[in-house]
Protein backbone atom coordinates (compact mmCIF):
# COMPACT_ATOMS: atom_id res chain seq x y z
CA MET A 1 -129.79 -164.32 78.57
CA ARG A 2 -127.24 -161.53 78.58
CA SER A 3 -125.90 -160.15 81.78
CA CYS A 4 -126.92 -156.64 82.80
CA LEU A 5 -123.25 -155.89 83.40
CA GLU A 6 -121.55 -155.00 80.14
CA VAL A 7 -117.80 -155.19 79.55
CA PHE A 8 -116.53 -152.44 77.23
CA GLY A 9 -112.81 -153.16 77.38
CA TYR A 10 -111.69 -149.85 78.87
CA GLY A 11 -111.89 -148.01 82.16
CA TYR A 12 -110.85 -144.89 84.06
CA ALA A 13 -108.58 -144.35 87.04
CA THR A 14 -108.41 -140.98 88.79
CA PHE A 15 -105.54 -140.21 91.16
CA ARG A 16 -105.88 -137.78 94.03
CA LYS A 17 -102.16 -137.03 94.20
CA GLU A 18 -99.70 -136.38 91.40
CA SER A 19 -97.11 -138.47 93.24
CA SER A 20 -99.38 -141.51 93.02
CA LEU A 21 -99.80 -141.00 89.30
CA ARG A 22 -96.07 -140.69 88.76
CA ALA A 23 -95.48 -143.87 90.77
CA PHE A 24 -98.00 -145.73 88.62
CA LEU A 25 -96.50 -144.48 85.36
CA SER A 26 -93.02 -145.44 86.51
CA SER A 27 -94.23 -149.04 86.88
CA CYS A 28 -95.45 -149.14 83.26
CA GLN A 29 -93.44 -150.46 80.34
CA CYS A 30 -92.83 -148.32 77.24
CA THR A 31 -92.80 -150.31 73.98
CA GLU A 32 -93.03 -148.63 70.57
CA ARG A 33 -94.03 -145.34 72.25
CA ARG A 34 -96.96 -147.03 74.00
CA LEU A 35 -97.35 -147.40 77.75
CA THR A 36 -98.48 -150.78 79.00
CA TYR A 37 -99.16 -152.05 82.48
CA THR A 38 -99.40 -155.67 83.58
CA LEU A 39 -102.25 -156.40 85.96
CA PRO A 40 -101.03 -158.62 88.81
CA TYR A 41 -103.94 -161.01 88.36
CA ALA A 42 -106.59 -161.91 85.80
CA VAL A 43 -110.29 -161.37 86.46
CA ASP A 44 -112.40 -164.42 85.75
CA ILE A 45 -114.61 -163.30 82.86
CA ARG A 46 -117.21 -165.93 83.71
CA GLN A 47 -117.84 -164.33 87.08
CA VAL A 48 -118.28 -160.87 85.54
CA THR A 49 -120.46 -161.63 82.52
CA GLY A 50 -121.96 -165.00 83.29
CA VAL A 51 -120.67 -166.24 79.95
CA ASP A 52 -118.59 -169.40 79.83
CA ARG A 53 -115.33 -168.27 78.27
CA GLN A 54 -111.94 -169.85 78.48
CA VAL A 55 -109.21 -167.86 80.15
CA GLU A 56 -106.30 -167.35 77.78
CA LYS A 57 -103.15 -169.32 78.37
CA GLY A 58 -100.79 -167.44 80.65
CA ALA A 59 -103.47 -165.03 81.87
CA GLU A 60 -102.93 -166.23 85.44
CA LYS A 61 -99.55 -164.53 85.32
CA GLY A 62 -101.05 -161.15 84.50
CA VAL A 63 -102.89 -159.25 81.78
CA GLY A 64 -101.24 -156.44 79.81
CA ILE A 65 -103.30 -153.29 79.25
CA GLN A 66 -102.55 -150.08 77.39
CA VAL A 67 -102.30 -146.93 79.50
CA ILE A 68 -103.15 -143.51 78.03
CA PRO A 69 -102.44 -140.86 80.66
CA TRP A 70 -104.22 -137.53 80.48
CA MET A 71 -103.33 -134.34 82.31
CA ILE A 72 -106.32 -132.08 82.94
CA ALA A 73 -104.09 -129.07 82.20
CA ASN A 74 -103.78 -130.29 78.58
CA GLN A 75 -107.46 -129.65 77.90
CA GLN A 76 -107.05 -126.00 76.86
CA TYR A 77 -104.32 -123.91 75.26
CA LEU A 78 -104.48 -120.13 74.98
CA THR A 79 -101.70 -118.17 73.29
CA CYS A 80 -100.02 -115.52 75.42
CA GLU A 81 -102.89 -115.57 77.91
CA LYS A 82 -104.89 -113.63 75.36
CA GLU A 83 -108.59 -113.36 76.16
CA LEU A 84 -111.02 -114.41 73.46
CA ARG A 85 -112.88 -111.44 72.06
CA GLU A 86 -116.52 -111.56 71.05
CA THR A 87 -115.60 -111.09 67.40
CA GLU A 88 -113.27 -114.11 67.43
CA LEU A 89 -115.90 -116.62 68.55
CA LYS A 90 -117.40 -116.74 65.05
CA TYR A 91 -114.06 -118.00 63.70
CA THR A 92 -114.22 -121.28 65.64
CA VAL A 93 -114.10 -124.75 64.05
CA PHE A 94 -115.11 -128.15 65.39
CA VAL A 95 -112.47 -130.90 65.10
CA GLY A 96 -113.39 -134.58 65.23
CA ASN A 97 -111.69 -138.00 65.15
CA LEU A 98 -108.87 -136.94 67.48
CA HIS A 99 -106.62 -139.53 69.09
CA GLY A 100 -106.84 -139.85 72.87
CA THR A 101 -103.28 -138.61 73.31
CA THR A 102 -103.81 -135.36 71.38
CA THR A 103 -103.40 -132.36 73.67
CA ALA A 104 -104.74 -128.85 73.14
CA ARG A 105 -101.22 -127.59 72.47
CA THR A 106 -100.61 -130.33 69.88
CA LEU A 107 -103.88 -129.44 68.16
CA TYR A 108 -102.94 -125.76 68.21
CA GLN A 109 -99.54 -126.43 66.61
CA ALA A 110 -101.03 -128.63 63.88
CA MET A 111 -103.78 -126.16 62.92
CA ALA A 112 -101.44 -123.15 63.01
CA SER A 113 -98.87 -124.93 60.84
CA ALA A 114 -101.41 -126.15 58.29
CA PHE A 115 -103.47 -122.96 57.89
CA GLY A 116 -100.92 -120.17 58.10
CA GLY A 117 -101.11 -119.32 61.78
CA GLY A 118 -103.83 -117.19 63.29
CA VAL A 119 -104.81 -119.72 65.96
CA VAL A 120 -105.49 -118.09 69.35
CA TYR A 121 -107.26 -120.86 71.26
CA SER A 122 -107.66 -124.64 71.19
CA ALA A 123 -109.52 -127.02 73.49
CA ILE A 124 -110.16 -130.75 73.80
CA ASN A 125 -113.71 -131.86 74.59
CA VAL A 126 -113.91 -134.13 77.65
CA ASP A 127 -116.54 -136.26 79.39
CA TYR A 128 -117.75 -136.15 82.99
CA SER A 129 -114.48 -137.77 84.06
CA LYS A 130 -112.55 -134.96 82.31
CA TYR A 131 -111.16 -137.50 79.83
CA PRO A 132 -110.96 -136.75 76.06
CA ILE A 133 -113.90 -137.91 73.93
CA GLY A 134 -112.11 -137.60 70.57
CA SER A 135 -113.14 -134.08 69.53
CA GLY A 136 -112.18 -130.48 70.14
CA ARG A 137 -112.45 -126.91 68.88
CA VAL A 138 -110.06 -124.30 67.55
CA THR A 139 -110.53 -120.51 67.34
CA PHE A 140 -108.79 -118.34 64.74
CA SER A 141 -108.07 -114.63 64.98
CA ASN A 142 -108.91 -113.87 61.35
CA GLU A 143 -111.48 -114.87 58.77
CA ARG A 144 -108.93 -115.93 56.15
CA SER A 145 -107.41 -118.78 58.19
CA TYR A 146 -110.88 -119.78 59.36
CA ARG A 147 -112.21 -120.06 55.79
CA ILE A 148 -109.18 -122.08 54.65
CA ALA A 149 -109.65 -124.55 57.51
CA VAL A 150 -113.38 -124.95 56.85
CA SER A 151 -112.97 -125.35 53.09
CA THR A 152 -110.20 -127.95 53.57
CA GLY A 153 -112.37 -130.15 55.77
CA TYR A 154 -109.65 -132.67 56.68
CA LEU A 155 -106.18 -132.62 58.19
CA ARG A 156 -103.75 -135.50 58.53
CA LEU A 157 -102.22 -135.36 61.99
CA CYS A 158 -99.08 -137.45 62.43
CA ASN A 159 -97.25 -137.78 65.72
CA GLY A 160 -95.41 -140.43 67.65
CA HIS A 161 -98.61 -142.06 68.89
CA SER A 162 -100.95 -142.08 65.90
CA ASP A 163 -101.49 -141.21 62.26
CA LYS A 164 -105.09 -140.08 61.84
CA VAL A 165 -107.14 -137.92 59.51
CA ILE A 166 -109.11 -135.47 61.62
CA GLN A 167 -112.31 -133.83 60.42
CA ILE A 168 -112.80 -130.05 60.48
CA GLU A 169 -116.27 -128.48 60.50
CA PRO A 170 -117.46 -124.96 61.33
CA PHE A 171 -118.50 -124.58 64.97
CA LEU A 172 -122.13 -123.59 64.50
CA ASP A 173 -123.95 -121.02 66.60
CA ASP A 174 -127.60 -120.07 66.96
CA ARG A 175 -128.08 -117.61 64.10
CA MET A 176 -130.89 -116.19 62.00
CA CYS A 177 -131.08 -117.03 58.31
CA GLN A 178 -128.63 -114.73 56.55
CA THR A 179 -130.74 -114.71 53.36
CA CYS A 180 -134.29 -113.85 54.45
CA LEU A 181 -133.39 -112.58 57.94
CA GLN A 182 -136.76 -113.84 59.18
CA ASP A 183 -136.39 -117.47 60.22
CA ILE A 184 -133.86 -119.47 62.25
CA GLY A 185 -130.77 -120.50 60.29
CA LYS A 186 -130.78 -124.25 60.93
CA TYR A 187 -128.32 -125.14 58.19
CA PHE A 188 -124.88 -123.87 57.21
CA CYS A 189 -123.26 -124.19 53.79
CA ARG A 190 -119.47 -124.43 53.85
CA SER A 191 -119.02 -123.74 50.12
CA GLN A 192 -116.95 -120.67 49.20
CA THR A 193 -119.08 -119.91 46.15
CA PRO A 194 -120.92 -116.54 46.12
CA GLY A 195 -124.19 -116.72 48.01
CA CYS A 196 -123.04 -119.58 50.24
CA PHE A 197 -120.85 -119.87 53.35
CA ARG A 198 -123.72 -118.67 55.48
CA TYR A 199 -126.68 -119.83 57.56
CA PHE A 200 -129.92 -120.82 55.81
CA CYS A 201 -133.43 -121.60 56.98
CA THR A 202 -135.09 -124.64 55.39
CA ALA A 203 -136.90 -122.66 52.68
CA CYS A 204 -133.88 -120.58 51.70
CA TRP A 205 -131.66 -123.66 51.64
CA PHE A 206 -133.83 -125.37 49.03
CA ASN A 207 -134.23 -122.15 47.04
CA ARG A 208 -130.46 -121.85 46.88
CA HIS A 209 -129.47 -125.48 46.35
CA SER A 210 -132.43 -127.20 44.69
CA PHE A 211 -130.92 -126.94 41.20
CA ALA A 212 -127.25 -127.09 42.19
CA PHE A 213 -124.94 -130.02 41.67
CA LEU A 214 -124.61 -131.24 45.25
CA THR A 215 -120.95 -131.64 46.11
CA ASP A 216 -119.27 -132.23 49.41
CA ASP A 217 -118.91 -128.46 49.85
CA HIS A 218 -122.69 -127.97 49.71
CA ILE A 219 -123.68 -130.61 52.25
CA PRO A 220 -126.00 -128.96 54.83
CA LEU A 221 -124.43 -128.77 58.28
CA THR A 222 -126.50 -128.42 61.42
CA LYS A 223 -125.99 -128.06 65.16
CA THR A 224 -126.78 -131.12 67.30
CA LYS A 225 -128.40 -131.09 70.74
CA LYS A 226 -124.97 -131.55 72.33
CA GLY A 227 -123.61 -128.51 70.48
CA PHE A 228 -121.58 -130.46 67.91
CA THR A 229 -121.62 -130.08 64.13
CA ALA A 230 -123.24 -132.82 62.04
CA ARG A 231 -124.42 -133.29 58.48
CA ALA A 232 -128.16 -132.82 58.04
CA ASN A 233 -130.03 -135.51 56.12
CA LEU A 234 -131.62 -133.36 53.43
CA VAL A 235 -130.33 -135.32 50.43
CA LYS A 236 -133.36 -137.64 50.43
CA GLN A 237 -135.62 -134.62 49.97
CA LEU A 238 -133.81 -133.82 46.71
CA PRO A 239 -134.19 -137.02 44.64
CA HIS A 240 -133.05 -135.34 41.40
CA VAL A 241 -129.75 -134.23 42.91
CA LYS A 242 -126.78 -136.56 43.09
CA GLN A 243 -123.82 -136.30 45.42
CA ALA A 244 -120.38 -135.87 43.93
CA GLU A 245 -117.41 -138.07 44.68
CA THR A 246 -114.80 -135.95 46.44
CA THR A 247 -111.29 -136.65 47.66
CA PRO A 248 -110.32 -134.80 50.84
CA ARG A 249 -107.18 -132.71 50.77
CA LEU A 250 -104.74 -133.86 53.42
CA TYR A 251 -102.01 -132.06 55.30
CA CYS A 252 -99.33 -133.95 57.19
CA ASN A 253 -97.87 -132.25 60.22
CA LYS A 254 -95.29 -134.36 62.05
CA LEU A 255 -95.20 -133.54 65.75
CA PHE A 256 -92.86 -135.40 68.08
């Protein structure tokens, strides 16, 4: 029988005062650009989970854990205190697979460097504890940079803490179908080919793509209940269409 108390291997610690946080960080050790902290004692895993596990040798002297500090002020970055205009909201992209140390300013610098500038706002999505959940969003000031970012799809982000390939998708809004103008546009096509890069209802999507060679650019994107962008599972409804093998284009932006 499994215990009702699950152990996930990570936790959160919120400090009321900045001085307390600084004191804690000063007691951490920095090795290979990673902060580690040694717990003064080891928790008996058998008492927590009810599972008979052997405590590792030397654990009684302390357990080393990785510390990833996060400043709430790093959640958003707005250039020159410029307010976002209504027309700029449609040039927003969703960014996934971010490392926990990626700040909004770091994300802004990477996107601006890779796609020719034009970034006016960047934000990191956080949970109820205001801690990063590995995704974010970026708003461009012009359609050209926005289209380049969406068509690229991937960006290699290299810094002193990680080397990850982040995913870039259009940040979808509630729109009407831009073909028939009568039904809700549930799906978005990111392809730059004429007649695409727009919202489609279900009927118009199949009318447009039923005889097309389905590549990675024509995968239907949809908005999830949490407001994120995900790939809709419409491929099974097109048995005669095969999906192409694509290699993502990568950009490397070293930020230290």
